[in-house]
């Protein structure tokens, strides 16, 4: 049975139980479950950083679009 790719404690517990049912020792099952949980947290961090970068870019574009620009005065002809 596949392991739950989650970062929660419930996912960790489910993974430990799955590995024990598969015949692994409790210590080894716990180590595997922690490894899966650690990988899931790292992936979430990466996605959060990507999202934050995109959000910062959008905010800077919006700031440039919304900033008031000084009206240009027409040149007076002599």
Protein backbone atom coordinates (compact mmCIF):
# COMPACT_ATOMS: atom_id res chain seq x y z
CA UNK A 1 0.00 0.00 0.00
CA UNK A 2 1.41 3.44 -0.85
CA UNK A 3 2.40 5.86 1.88
CA UNK A 4 0.57 9.11 2.57
CA UNK A 5 2.56 12.06 1.19
CA UNK A 6 1.59 14.46 3.96
CA UNK A 7 3.31 16.59 6.54
CA UNK A 8 0.77 16.15 9.33
CA UNK A 9 1.12 13.94 12.38
CA UNK A 10 -1.89 11.94 11.21
CA UNK A 11 -0.12 11.14 7.92
CA UNK A 12 2.99 10.14 9.89
CA UNK A 13 0.98 7.78 12.12
CA UNK A 14 -0.76 6.23 9.11
CA UNK A 15 2.59 5.65 7.43
CA UNK A 16 4.04 4.01 10.55
CA UNK A 17 1.05 1.67 10.75
CA UNK A 18 1.33 0.84 7.04
CA UNK A 19 5.01 0.00 7.33
CA UNK A 20 4.49 -2.14 10.46
CA UNK A 21 1.73 -4.07 8.67
CA UNK A 22 4.20 -4.60 5.82
CA UNK A 23 6.54 -6.35 8.26
CA UNK A 24 9.05 -3.64 9.13
CA UNK A 25 10.26 -3.07 12.68
CA UNK A 26 8.65 -0.15 14.55
CA UNK A 27 11.95 1.77 14.56
CA UNK A 28 12.40 1.34 10.81
CA UNK A 29 8.74 2.17 10.15
CA UNK A 30 9.11 5.36 12.19
CA UNK A 31 12.27 6.35 10.29
CA UNK A 32 10.56 5.81 6.93
CA UNK A 33 7.51 7.79 8.04
CA UNK A 34 9.69 10.69 9.21
CA UNK A 35 11.56 10.66 5.89
CA UNK A 36 8.28 10.90 3.96
CA UNK A 37 7.05 13.68 6.26
CA UNK A 38 10.33 15.61 5.94
CA UNK A 39 10.18 15.38 2.13
CA UNK A 40 6.56 16.61 2.10
CA UNK A 41 7.47 19.60 4.28
CA UNK A 42 10.41 20.46 2.00
CA UNK A 43 8.16 20.34 -1.06
CA UNK A 44 5.60 22.58 0.66
CA UNK A 45 8.35 25.07 1.51
CA UNK A 46 9.51 25.11 -2.09
CA UNK A 47 6.00 25.73 -3.39
CA UNK A 48 5.46 28.46 -0.81
CA UNK A 49 8.68 30.18 -1.89
CA UNK A 50 7.64 29.96 -5.56
CA UNK A 51 4.24 31.41 -4.69
CA UNK A 52 5.79 34.22 -2.64
CA UNK A 53 8.10 35.13 -5.52
CA UNK A 54 5.20 35.25 -7.96
CA UNK A 55 3.14 37.30 -5.55
CA UNK A 56 5.98 39.78 -5.06
CA UNK A 57 6.30 40.17 -8.82
CA UNK A 58 2.60 40.81 -9.21
CA UNK A 59 2.64 43.34 -6.38
CA UNK A 60 5.50 45.27 -7.97
CA UNK A 61 3.68 45.32 -11.32
CA UNK A 62 0.50 46.53 -9.62
CA UNK A 63 2.43 49.23 -7.77
CA UNK A 64 3.91 50.48 -11.03
CA UNK A 65 0.50 50.49 -12.72
CA UNK A 66 -1.24 52.27 -9.86
CA UNK A 67 1.43 54.87 -9.09
CA UNK A 68 0.44 58.36 -10.11
CA UNK A 69 2.54 59.82 -12.83
CA UNK A 70 3.13 63.51 -13.17
CA UNK A 71 1.15 64.91 -16.08
CA UNK A 72 3.37 66.04 -18.88
CA UNK A 73 3.01 69.66 -19.79
CA UNK A 74 2.72 70.35 -23.48
CA UNK A 75 5.61 72.33 -24.89
CA UNK A 76 4.68 75.91 -25.60
CA UNK A 77 5.31 77.03 -29.11
CA UNK A 78 7.10 80.32 -29.56
